[in-house]
Amino acid sequence: RSARSYNTYSSYINQTEVAQPLIFIFEYALAKLLRHWGLEPYAMIGHSIGEYTAACISGVFSLESAIRLVVKRGQLMQAMPPGAMLGVTLPENRLKPLLTNNTELSLAAVNAPSSCVVSGPRDVIEVFNRQMEAGKHRTRLLHTSHAFHSTMMDPILEEFSSAVAEIERRLIGDGLQNQVGDIRQLIQPLVNRA
């Protein structure tokens, strides 16, 4: 294909309402393939959209329900103003104080002891990125169309909460219900303290 064709599809596939269902479908298909090969998981965990995949594979809800929820989530997020996300190589306890003076920025994820993600409006993220680089901190702009896991998602919480309430969820394992569908995950940081 030509570069023009690639750029056309690239911008389309990076749109949240398209990307999130595609990520879910890919993860689901990969999990099914691994099971087909005889690899059965002892436990499952997911990160952001991966939580929905893990819950679906675990039996928390059906494939049809999961797809409806993931599509709705992507559509609602796509309707929000564009934003950006920035990976920063700083520990959470050193990054949080840098965010307190700017209410437009959110700590979106803590991926590792010295790997965090900040999200917010694109112009505010760009200024913050320059500040981080000036302070000799390594950063990386993520390929996202929106500021996920930030206060920029607040306007969709009520509608998404209603969509989650309509989805039948089942208890799994020892009776504990999966946390998927908790609308707070749209705005609270994802934390991996492993």
N, C-alpha and C. Protein backbone atom coordinates (compact mmCIF):
# COMPACT_ATOMS: atom_id res chain seq x y z
N ARG A 1 0.82 -1.19 0.00
CA ARG A 1 0.00 0.00 0.00
C ARG A 1 0.87 1.25 0.00
N SER A 2 0.29 2.33 -0.45
CA SER A 2 1.03 3.59 -0.51
C SER A 2 1.10 4.24 0.87
N ALA A 3 2.03 5.18 1.02
CA ALA A 3 2.15 5.92 2.28
C ALA A 3 0.87 6.69 2.56
N ARG A 4 0.23 7.22 1.53
CA ARG A 4 -1.02 7.96 1.71
C ARG A 4 -2.10 7.05 2.28
N SER A 5 -2.21 5.86 1.75
CA SER A 5 -3.18 4.89 2.23
C SER A 5 -2.88 4.53 3.69
N TYR A 6 -1.62 4.30 4.01
CA TYR A 6 -1.23 3.98 5.38
C TYR A 6 -1.63 5.10 6.33
N ASN A 7 -1.34 6.34 5.96
CA ASN A 7 -1.67 7.47 6.82
C ASN A 7 -3.17 7.60 7.03
N THR A 8 -3.95 7.32 6.00
CA THR A 8 -5.40 7.38 6.13
C THR A 8 -5.89 6.36 7.14
N TYR A 9 -5.45 5.10 7.01
CA TYR A 9 -5.88 4.06 7.93
C TYR A 9 -5.28 4.25 9.32
N SER A 10 -4.07 4.75 9.37
CA SER A 10 -3.41 4.97 10.64
C SER A 10 -4.17 5.97 11.50
N SER A 11 -4.60 7.06 10.91
CA SER A 11 -5.34 8.05 11.70
C SER A 11 -6.71 7.50 12.11
N TYR A 12 -7.31 6.67 11.28
CA TYR A 12 -8.61 6.08 11.60
C TYR A 12 -8.48 5.07 12.73
N ILE A 13 -7.50 4.20 12.64
CA ILE A 13 -7.34 3.13 13.62
C ILE A 13 -6.92 3.69 14.98
N ASN A 14 -6.33 4.87 15.01
CA ASN A 14 -5.92 5.48 16.26
C ASN A 14 -7.06 6.22 16.96
N GLN A 15 -8.22 6.30 16.34
CA GLN A 15 -9.36 6.92 16.98
C GLN A 15 -9.89 5.99 18.07
N THR A 16 -10.17 6.53 19.21
CA THR A 16 -10.56 5.75 20.38
C THR A 16 -11.72 4.81 20.11
N GLU A 17 -12.75 5.28 19.41
CA GLU A 17 -13.92 4.44 19.19
C GLU A 17 -13.61 3.25 18.29
N VAL A 18 -12.52 3.30 17.56
CA VAL A 18 -12.09 2.18 16.72
C VAL A 18 -11.02 1.37 17.45
N ALA A 19 -10.06 2.04 18.04
CA ALA A 19 -8.92 1.37 18.66
C ALA A 19 -9.31 0.48 19.83
N GLN A 20 -10.20 0.96 20.69
CA GLN A 20 -10.53 0.17 21.88
C GLN A 20 -11.20 -1.16 21.53
N PRO A 21 -12.21 -1.18 20.66
CA PRO A 21 -12.76 -2.50 20.28
C PRO A 21 -11.72 -3.38 19.58
N LEU A 22 -10.85 -2.80 18.76
CA LEU A 22 -9.82 -3.60 18.09
C LEU A 22 -8.85 -4.21 19.08
N ILE A 23 -8.45 -3.44 20.08
CA ILE A 23 -7.55 -3.97 21.11
C ILE A 23 -8.24 -5.11 21.85
N PHE A 24 -9.50 -4.89 22.22
CA PHE A 24 -10.25 -5.94 22.91
C PHE A 24 -10.32 -7.21 22.06
N ILE A 25 -10.68 -7.07 20.79
CA ILE A 25 -10.82 -8.22 19.89
C ILE A 25 -9.49 -8.96 19.74
N PHE A 26 -8.39 -8.22 19.60
CA PHE A 26 -7.08 -8.84 19.47
C PHE A 26 -6.73 -9.62 20.74
N GLU A 27 -6.92 -8.99 21.89
CA GLU A 27 -6.60 -9.65 23.16
C GLU A 27 -7.47 -10.89 23.37
N TYR A 28 -8.74 -10.78 23.05
CA TYR A 28 -9.65 -11.91 23.20
C TYR A 28 -9.22 -13.07 22.30
N ALA A 29 -8.93 -12.76 21.04
CA ALA A 29 -8.51 -13.80 20.10
C ALA A 29 -7.20 -14.45 20.55
N LEU A 30 -6.27 -13.66 21.04
CA LEU A 30 -5.00 -14.21 21.52
C LEU A 30 -5.23 -15.13 22.71
N ALA A 31 -6.08 -14.72 23.63
CA ALA A 31 -6.37 -15.56 24.80
C ALA A 31 -7.02 -16.88 24.37
N LYS A 32 -7.94 -16.81 23.43
CA LYS A 32 -8.59 -18.03 22.94
C LYS A 32 -7.59 -18.95 22.23
N LEU A 33 -6.66 -18.36 21.47
CA LEU A 33 -5.64 -19.15 20.79
C LEU A 33 -4.74 -19.86 21.81
N LEU A 34 -4.33 -19.13 22.84
CA LEU A 34 -3.47 -19.74 23.86
C LEU A 34 -4.20 -20.88 24.55
N ARG A 35 -5.48 -20.70 24.82
CA ARG A 35 -6.26 -21.78 25.44
C ARG A 35 -6.38 -22.97 24.48
N HIS A 36 -6.56 -22.69 23.22
CA HIS A 36 -6.65 -23.75 22.20
C HIS A 36 -5.36 -24.56 22.19
N TRP A 37 -4.25 -23.91 22.41
CA TRP A 37 -2.96 -24.59 22.45
C TRP A 37 -2.72 -25.31 23.78
N GLY A 38 -3.68 -25.22 24.68
CA GLY A 38 -3.56 -25.93 25.95
C GLY A 38 -3.01 -25.11 27.10
N LEU A 39 -2.82 -23.84 26.91
CA LEU A 39 -2.31 -22.97 27.98
C LEU A 39 -3.49 -22.37 28.73
N GLU A 40 -3.73 -22.89 29.91
CA GLU A 40 -4.85 -22.41 30.72
C GLU A 40 -4.33 -21.47 31.80
N PRO A 41 -4.92 -20.31 31.92
CA PRO A 41 -4.45 -19.35 32.93
C PRO A 41 -4.88 -19.76 34.34
N TYR A 42 -4.03 -19.48 35.28
CA TYR A 42 -4.36 -19.68 36.69
C TYR A 42 -5.16 -18.48 37.20
N ALA A 43 -4.78 -17.31 36.72
CA ALA A 43 -5.46 -16.06 37.08
C ALA A 43 -5.31 -15.11 35.91
N MET A 44 -6.13 -14.07 35.88
CA MET A 44 -6.04 -13.09 34.80
C MET A 44 -6.09 -11.68 35.36
N ILE A 45 -5.39 -10.83 34.66
CA ILE A 45 -5.37 -9.42 35.02
C ILE A 45 -5.28 -8.62 33.73
N GLY A 46 -5.77 -7.44 33.73
CA GLY A 46 -5.70 -6.61 32.54
C GLY A 46 -5.37 -5.19 32.91
N HIS A 47 -4.96 -4.44 31.91
CA HIS A 47 -4.60 -3.04 32.09
C HIS A 47 -5.51 -2.22 31.18
N SER A 48 -6.34 -1.38 31.76
CA SER A 48 -7.27 -0.54 31.02
C SER A 48 -8.23 -1.42 30.21
N ILE A 49 -8.21 -1.36 28.90
CA ILE A 49 -9.14 -2.15 28.10
C ILE A 49 -8.91 -3.65 28.32
N GLY A 50 -7.70 -4.02 28.72
CA GLY A 50 -7.39 -5.41 29.01
C GLY A 50 -8.17 -5.97 30.19
N GLU A 51 -8.65 -5.09 31.07
CA GLU A 51 -9.49 -5.54 32.18
C GLU A 51 -10.78 -6.14 31.66
N TYR A 52 -11.30 -5.57 30.60
CA TYR A 52 -12.54 -6.08 30.01
C TYR A 52 -12.29 -7.44 29.36
N THR A 53 -11.14 -7.59 28.71
CA THR A 53 -10.80 -8.86 28.10
C THR A 53 -10.65 -9.93 29.17
N ALA A 54 -9.92 -9.61 30.23
CA ALA A 54 -9.71 -10.57 31.31
C ALA A 54 -11.04 -10.96 31.94
N ALA A 55 -11.91 -10.00 32.14
CA ALA A 55 -13.22 -10.30 32.74
C ALA A 55 -14.06 -11.18 31.82
N CYS A 56 -14.01 -10.90 30.55
CA CYS A 56 -14.78 -11.70 29.59
C CYS A 56 -14.26 -13.13 29.54
N ILE A 57 -12.97 -13.31 29.41
CA ILE A 57 -12.36 -14.64 29.37
C ILE A 57 -12.63 -15.39 30.68
N SER A 58 -12.67 -14.65 31.79
CA SER A 58 -12.92 -15.26 33.11
C SER A 58 -14.38 -15.64 33.31
N GLY A 59 -15.26 -15.11 32.46
CA GLY A 59 -16.68 -15.43 32.59
C GLY A 59 -17.49 -14.42 33.37
N VAL A 60 -16.90 -13.26 33.66
CA VAL A 60 -17.65 -12.23 34.39
C VAL A 60 -18.84 -11.77 33.55
N PHE A 61 -18.63 -11.62 32.26
CA PHE A 61 -19.74 -11.34 31.36
C PHE A 61 -19.48 -11.98 30.01
N SER A 62 -20.53 -12.08 29.22
CA SER A 62 -20.46 -12.75 27.92
C SER A 62 -19.66 -11.92 26.92
N LEU A 63 -19.24 -12.57 25.85
CA LEU A 63 -18.53 -11.88 24.78
C LEU A 63 -19.39 -10.75 24.22
N GLU A 64 -20.67 -11.03 23.98
CA GLU A 64 -21.57 -10.01 23.43
C GLU A 64 -21.67 -8.81 24.36
N SER A 65 -21.82 -9.06 25.65
CA SER A 65 -21.90 -7.96 26.62
C SER A 65 -20.60 -7.18 26.69
N ALA A 66 -19.49 -7.91 26.65
CA ALA A 66 -18.18 -7.24 26.70
C ALA A 66 -18.00 -6.33 25.50
N ILE A 67 -18.36 -6.82 24.32
CA ILE A 67 -18.21 -6.00 23.11
C ILE A 67 -19.10 -4.77 23.19
N ARG A 68 -20.36 -4.95 23.64
CA ARG A 68 -21.25 -3.79 23.79
C ARG A 68 -20.64 -2.74 24.73
N LEU A 69 -20.09 -3.20 25.84
CA LEU A 69 -19.51 -2.29 26.82
C LEU A 69 -18.26 -1.60 26.29
N VAL A 70 -17.39 -2.35 25.63
CA VAL A 70 -16.16 -1.79 25.08
C VAL A 70 -16.47 -0.78 23.97
N VAL A 71 -17.42 -1.10 23.12
CA VAL A 71 -17.81 -0.18 22.04
C VAL A 71 -18.39 1.10 22.64
N LYS A 72 -19.26 0.96 23.64
CA LYS A 72 -19.86 2.14 24.29
C LYS A 72 -18.77 2.99 24.94
N ARG A 73 -17.84 2.35 25.61
CA ARG A 73 -16.74 3.07 26.26
C ARG A 73 -15.94 3.86 25.23
N GLY A 74 -15.60 3.22 24.12
CA GLY A 74 -14.85 3.88 23.06
C GLY A 74 -15.61 5.05 22.46
N GLN A 75 -16.91 4.87 22.23
CA GLN A 75 -17.72 5.95 21.67
C GLN A 75 -17.81 7.14 22.62
N LEU A 76 -18.03 6.86 23.89
CA LEU A 76 -18.12 7.94 24.87
C LEU A 76 -16.80 8.69 24.99
N MET A 77 -15.71 7.95 25.04
CA MET A 77 -14.40 8.59 25.16
C MET A 77 -14.07 9.40 23.90
N GLN A 78 -14.45 8.86 22.74
CA GLN A 78 -14.19 9.57 21.49
C GLN A 78 -14.91 10.91 21.45
N ALA A 79 -16.05 11.00 22.09
CA ALA A 79 -16.84 12.23 22.09
C ALA A 79 -16.25 13.32 22.98
N MET A 80 -15.29 12.97 23.80
CA MET A 80 -14.65 13.95 24.68
C MET A 80 -13.62 14.77 23.89
N PRO A 81 -13.28 15.95 24.40
CA PRO A 81 -12.25 16.74 23.72
C PRO A 81 -10.94 15.96 23.62
N PRO A 82 -10.19 16.16 22.55
CA PRO A 82 -8.90 15.47 22.41
C PRO A 82 -7.96 15.80 23.57
N GLY A 83 -7.06 14.90 23.82
CA GLY A 83 -6.08 15.10 24.87
C GLY A 83 -4.81 14.35 24.52
N ALA A 84 -3.93 14.25 25.49
CA ALA A 84 -2.65 13.57 25.26
C ALA A 84 -2.22 12.87 26.54
N MET A 85 -1.29 11.94 26.36
CA MET A 85 -0.73 11.21 27.49
C MET A 85 0.79 11.19 27.33
N LEU A 86 1.47 11.32 28.46
CA LEU A 86 2.93 11.42 28.46
C LEU A 86 3.52 10.43 29.45
N GLY A 87 4.38 9.54 28.95
CA GLY A 87 5.12 8.66 29.84
C GLY A 87 6.28 9.43 30.45
N VAL A 88 6.46 9.29 31.76
CA VAL A 88 7.51 10.02 32.48
C VAL A 88 8.27 9.03 33.35
N THR A 89 9.60 9.06 33.28
CA THR A 89 10.41 8.15 34.09
C THR A 89 10.73 8.80 35.44
N LEU A 90 9.70 8.89 36.25
CA LEU A 90 9.82 9.39 37.62
C LEU A 90 8.96 8.52 38.52
N PRO A 91 9.37 8.30 39.76
CA PRO A 91 8.49 7.59 40.68
C PRO A 91 7.28 8.46 41.04
N GLU A 92 6.19 7.80 41.39
CA GLU A 92 4.94 8.48 41.71
C GLU A 92 5.13 9.58 42.77
N ASN A 93 5.89 9.28 43.82
CA ASN A 93 6.05 10.25 44.90
C ASN A 93 6.83 11.50 44.48
N ARG A 94 7.60 11.43 43.41
CA ARG A 94 8.30 12.63 42.91
C ARG A 94 7.49 13.33 41.83
N LEU A 95 6.62 12.58 41.15
CA LEU A 95 5.81 13.16 40.08
C LEU A 95 4.59 13.90 40.61
N LYS A 96 3.92 13.33 41.60
CA LYS A 96 2.69 13.93 42.12
C LYS A 96 2.85 15.40 42.52
N PRO A 97 3.91 15.78 43.24
CA PRO A 97 4.05 17.20 43.60
C PRO A 97 4.16 18.12 42.39
N LEU A 98 4.66 17.61 41.28
CA LEU A 98 4.79 18.42 40.07
C LEU A 98 3.44 18.65 39.40
N LEU A 99 2.45 17.85 39.77
CA LEU A 99 1.12 17.96 39.17
C LEU A 99 0.16 18.80 40.01
N THR A 100 0.52 19.08 41.26
CA THR A 100 -0.42 19.75 42.16
C THR A 100 -0.76 21.18 41.74
N ASN A 101 0.12 21.84 41.03
CA ASN A 101 -0.15 23.22 40.61
C ASN A 101 -0.94 23.30 39.31
N ASN A 102 -1.24 22.18 38.72
CA ASN A 102 -1.97 22.19 37.46
C ASN A 102 -3.12 21.19 37.52
N THR A 103 -4.32 21.71 37.74
CA THR A 103 -5.49 20.84 37.88
C THR A 103 -5.93 20.20 36.57
N GLU A 104 -5.35 20.63 35.45
CA GLU A 104 -5.70 20.05 34.16
C GLU A 104 -4.94 18.75 33.88
N LEU A 105 -3.92 18.47 34.67
CA LEU A 105 -3.13 17.25 34.50
C LEU A 105 -3.57 16.21 35.52
N SER A 106 -3.55 14.96 35.09
CA SER A 106 -3.90 13.84 35.97
C SER A 106 -2.81 12.79 35.92
N LEU A 107 -2.56 12.17 37.06
CA LEU A 107 -1.70 10.99 37.08
C LEU A 107 -2.57 9.85 36.54
N ALA A 108 -2.27 9.37 35.36
CA ALA A 108 -3.11 8.38 34.68
C ALA A 108 -2.73 6.95 35.01
N ALA A 109 -1.45 6.69 35.20
CA ALA A 109 -1.01 5.32 35.47
C ALA A 109 0.33 5.32 36.17
N VAL A 110 0.50 4.33 37.03
CA VAL A 110 1.79 4.03 37.64
C VAL A 110 2.12 2.62 37.16
N ASN A 111 2.98 2.52 36.15
CA ASN A 111 3.26 1.24 35.52
C ASN A 111 4.37 0.46 36.20
N ALA A 112 5.27 1.16 36.86
CA ALA A 112 6.41 0.54 37.53
C ALA A 112 6.94 1.57 38.53
N PRO A 113 7.87 1.19 39.40
CA PRO A 113 8.35 2.16 40.40
C PRO A 113 8.81 3.50 39.83
N SER A 114 9.39 3.52 38.65
CA SER A 114 9.85 4.78 38.05
C SER A 114 9.28 4.98 36.66
N SER A 115 8.03 4.57 36.46
CA SER A 115 7.39 4.71 35.16
C SER A 115 5.92 5.08 35.36
N CYS A 116 5.63 6.35 35.11
CA CYS A 116 4.28 6.86 35.29
C CYS A 116 3.77 7.47 33.99
N VAL A 117 2.47 7.69 33.92
CA VAL A 117 1.85 8.34 32.78
C VAL A 117 0.99 9.48 33.28
N VAL A 118 1.12 10.63 32.63
CA VAL A 118 0.35 11.83 32.95
C VAL A 118 -0.56 12.10 31.76
N SER A 119 -1.79 12.53 32.02
CA SER A 119 -2.70 12.84 30.92
C SER A 119 -3.39 14.17 31.16
N GLY A 120 -3.83 14.77 30.05
CA GLY A 120 -4.51 16.06 30.11
C GLY A 120 -4.65 16.66 28.72
N PRO A 121 -5.06 17.92 28.64
CA PRO A 121 -5.16 18.58 27.34
C PRO A 121 -3.81 18.60 26.63
N ARG A 122 -3.84 18.44 25.32
CA ARG A 122 -2.60 18.33 24.54
C ARG A 122 -1.64 19.50 24.79
N ASP A 123 -2.14 20.73 24.76
CA ASP A 123 -1.25 21.89 24.94
C ASP A 123 -0.63 21.90 26.33
N VAL A 124 -1.37 21.47 27.33
CA VAL A 124 -0.85 21.44 28.71
C VAL A 124 0.18 20.32 28.84
N ILE A 125 -0.07 19.20 28.21
CA ILE A 125 0.89 18.09 28.21
C ILE A 125 2.19 18.51 27.52
N GLU A 126 2.08 19.24 26.42
CA GLU A 126 3.28 19.69 25.70
C GLU A 126 4.14 20.61 26.58
N VAL A 127 3.51 21.52 27.32
CA VAL A 127 4.25 22.39 28.24
C VAL A 127 4.90 21.56 29.33
N PHE A 128 4.14 20.62 29.90
CA PHE A 128 4.67 19.75 30.96
C PHE A 128 5.83 18.91 30.43
N ASN A 129 5.72 18.44 29.20
CA ASN A 129 6.79 17.66 28.58
C ASN A 129 8.08 18.49 28.50
N ARG A 130 7.96 19.72 28.07
CA ARG A 130 9.15 20.59 28.00
C ARG A 130 9.75 20.81 29.38
N GLN A 131 8.91 20.96 30.39
CA GLN A 131 9.40 21.13 31.75
C GLN A 131 10.15 19.88 32.21
N MET A 132 9.61 18.73 31.90
CA MET A 132 10.26 17.47 32.28
C MET A 132 11.60 17.31 31.57
N GLU A 133 11.62 17.61 30.28
CA GLU A 133 12.87 17.52 29.52
C GLU A 133 13.90 18.51 30.03
N ALA A 134 13.47 19.71 30.40
CA ALA A 134 14.38 20.71 30.96
C ALA A 134 14.98 20.23 32.28
N GLY A 135 14.20 19.44 33.02
CA GLY A 135 14.68 18.86 34.27
C GLY A 135 15.43 17.56 34.07
N LYS A 136 15.74 17.24 32.82
CA LYS A 136 16.51 16.04 32.44
C LYS A 136 15.77 14.73 32.75
N HIS A 137 14.44 14.81 32.72
CA HIS A 137 13.64 13.59 32.92
C HIS A 137 13.26 13.03 31.55
N ARG A 138 13.39 11.73 31.40
CA ARG A 138 13.01 11.09 30.14
C ARG A 138 11.50 11.03 30.03
N THR A 139 10.99 11.38 28.85
CA THR A 139 9.56 11.36 28.60
C THR A 139 9.27 10.73 27.24
N ARG A 140 8.02 10.39 27.05
CA ARG A 140 7.60 9.86 25.75
C ARG A 140 6.12 10.14 25.58
N LEU A 141 5.77 10.86 24.52
CA LEU A 141 4.36 11.08 24.20
C LEU A 141 3.78 9.77 23.70
N LEU A 142 2.64 9.39 24.23
CA LEU A 142 1.99 8.15 23.83
C LEU A 142 1.08 8.42 22.63
N HIS A 143 0.89 7.41 21.82
CA HIS A 143 0.03 7.53 20.64
C HIS A 143 -1.43 7.35 21.06
N THR A 144 -2.02 8.40 21.57
CA THR A 144 -3.42 8.37 21.97
C THR A 144 -4.11 9.62 21.44
N SER A 145 -5.40 9.50 21.27
CA SER A 145 -6.18 10.64 20.80
C SER A 145 -6.80 11.42 21.95
N HIS A 146 -6.83 10.82 23.14
CA HIS A 146 -7.49 11.43 24.28
C HIS A 146 -6.66 11.23 25.55
N ALA A 147 -7.05 11.95 26.58
CA ALA A 147 -6.38 11.86 27.88
C ALA A 147 -7.11 10.84 28.75
N PHE A 148 -6.82 9.57 28.52
CA PHE A 148 -7.49 8.52 29.27
C PHE A 148 -7.11 8.56 30.73
N HIS A 149 -7.98 8.02 31.57
CA HIS A 149 -7.76 7.92 33.02
C HIS A 149 -7.46 9.30 33.61
N SER A 150 -8.22 10.29 33.15
CA SER A 150 -8.03 11.65 33.64
C SER A 150 -9.38 12.30 33.92
N THR A 151 -9.33 13.47 34.51
CA THR A 151 -10.57 14.22 34.78
C THR A 151 -11.25 14.67 33.49
N MET A 152 -10.57 14.59 32.37
CA MET A 152 -11.21 14.94 31.09
C MET A 152 -12.30 13.93 30.74
N MET A 153 -12.33 12.79 31.42
CA MET A 153 -13.36 11.77 31.18
C MET A 153 -14.56 11.94 32.11
N ASP A 154 -14.50 12.87 33.05
CA ASP A 154 -15.59 13.06 34.01
C ASP A 154 -16.97 13.20 33.36
N PRO A 155 -17.12 13.95 32.26
CA PRO A 155 -18.46 14.14 31.70
C PRO A 155 -19.15 12.86 31.22
N ILE A 156 -18.42 11.77 31.02
CA ILE A 156 -19.06 10.55 30.51
C ILE A 156 -19.34 9.53 31.61
N LEU A 157 -18.94 9.82 32.84
CA LEU A 157 -19.04 8.83 33.91
C LEU A 157 -20.47 8.36 34.15
N GLU A 158 -21.41 9.27 34.16
CA GLU A 158 -22.80 8.89 34.44
C GLU A 158 -23.36 7.98 33.35
N GLU A 159 -23.15 8.36 32.09
CA GLU A 159 -23.67 7.54 31.00
C GLU A 159 -22.98 6.18 30.94
N PHE A 160 -21.67 6.16 31.20
CA PHE A 160 -20.97 4.89 31.20
C PHE A 160 -21.43 4.02 32.36
N SER A 161 -21.67 4.64 33.49
CA SER A 161 -22.17 3.91 34.65
C SER A 161 -23.51 3.24 34.34
N SER A 162 -24.36 3.94 33.61
CA SER A 162 -25.65 3.36 33.20
C SER A 162 -25.44 2.18 32.27
N ALA A 163 -24.49 2.30 31.35
CA ALA A 163 -24.20 1.19 30.42
C ALA A 163 -23.68 -0.02 31.18
N VAL A 164 -22.83 0.20 32.17
CA VAL A 164 -22.30 -0.91 32.97
C VAL A 164 -23.43 -1.57 33.76
N ALA A 165 -24.33 -0.77 34.29
CA ALA A 165 -25.45 -1.31 35.07
C ALA A 165 -26.35 -2.22 34.24
N GLU A 166 -26.40 -2.00 32.94
CA GLU A 166 -27.25 -2.81 32.05
C GLU A 166 -26.60 -4.15 31.69
N ILE A 167 -25.32 -4.30 31.94
CA ILE A 167 -24.60 -5.52 31.58
C ILE A 167 -24.73 -6.54 32.70
N GLU A 168 -25.15 -7.75 32.34
CA GLU A 168 -25.23 -8.82 33.33
C GLU A 168 -23.82 -9.29 33.65
N ARG A 169 -23.49 -9.29 34.94
CA ARG A 169 -22.18 -9.77 35.39
C ARG A 169 -22.38 -10.96 36.30
N ARG A 170 -21.45 -11.89 36.22
CA ARG A 170 -21.52 -13.11 37.02
C ARG A 170 -20.37 -13.15 38.02
N LEU A 171 -20.62 -13.82 39.14
CA LEU A 171 -19.56 -14.05 40.11
C LEU A 171 -18.63 -15.12 39.57
N ILE A 172 -17.36 -14.98 39.88
CA ILE A 172 -16.39 -15.96 39.40
C ILE A 172 -15.54 -16.45 40.55
N GLY A 173 -14.86 -17.55 40.33
CA GLY A 173 -13.91 -18.08 41.31
C GLY A 173 -14.55 -18.34 42.65
N ASP A 174 -13.99 -17.71 43.69
CA ASP A 174 -14.47 -17.96 45.05
C ASP A 174 -15.58 -16.99 45.44
N GLY A 175 -16.29 -16.47 44.44
CA GLY A 175 -17.41 -15.59 44.73
C GLY A 175 -17.07 -14.12 44.67
N LEU A 176 -15.82 -13.80 44.40
CA LEU A 176 -15.44 -12.40 44.27
C LEU A 176 -15.81 -11.90 42.89
N GLN A 177 -16.43 -10.75 42.81
CA GLN A 177 -16.79 -10.21 41.51
C GLN A 177 -15.65 -9.34 41.00
N ASN A 178 -15.37 -9.47 39.73
CA ASN A 178 -14.31 -8.69 39.10
C ASN A 178 -14.62 -7.20 39.20
N GLN A 179 -13.59 -6.38 39.26
CA GLN A 179 -13.74 -4.94 39.37
C GLN A 179 -14.06 -4.26 38.05
N VAL A 180 -14.08 -5.00 36.96
CA VAL A 180 -14.35 -4.38 35.67
C VAL A 180 -15.71 -3.72 35.69
N GLY A 181 -15.78 -2.60 35.04
CA GLY A 181 -17.03 -1.87 34.98
C GLY A 181 -17.12 -0.81 36.06
N ASP A 182 -16.14 -0.77 36.94
CA ASP A 182 -16.09 0.28 37.95
C ASP A 182 -15.74 1.56 37.20
N ILE A 183 -16.67 2.49 37.14
CA ILE A 183 -16.46 3.69 36.33
C ILE A 183 -15.30 4.53 36.82
N ARG A 184 -14.90 4.34 38.06
CA ARG A 184 -13.78 5.13 38.58
C ARG A 184 -12.50 4.87 37.80
N GLN A 185 -12.39 3.70 37.16
CA GLN A 185 -11.17 3.39 36.41
C GLN A 185 -10.98 4.33 35.23
N LEU A 186 -12.03 5.01 34.80
CA LEU A 186 -11.88 5.97 33.71
C LEU A 186 -11.07 7.18 34.13
N ILE A 187 -11.12 7.52 35.43
CA ILE A 187 -10.44 8.73 35.87
C ILE A 187 -9.32 8.46 36.87
N GLN A 188 -9.38 7.35 37.58
CA GLN A 188 -8.34 7.09 38.56
C GLN A 188 -7.12 6.48 37.89
N PRO A 189 -5.95 6.73 38.49
CA PRO A 189 -4.75 6.16 37.89
C PRO A 189 -4.76 4.64 37.95
N LEU A 190 -4.22 4.04 36.93
CA LEU A 190 -3.99 2.61 36.92
C LEU A 190 -2.68 2.38 37.63
N VAL A 191 -2.67 1.52 38.62
CA VAL A 191 -1.46 1.34 39.42
C VAL A 191 -1.01 -0.12 39.37
N ASN A 192 0.24 -0.32 39.01
CA ASN A 192 0.84 -1.64 39.01
C ASN A 192 1.98 -1.59 40.00
N ARG A 193 1.76 -2.14 41.16
CA ARG A 193 2.78 -2.08 42.19
C ARG A 193 3.56 -3.40 42.31
N ALA A 194 3.49 -4.22 41.29
CA ALA A 194 4.17 -5.52 41.32
C ALA A 194 5.67 -5.35 41.30
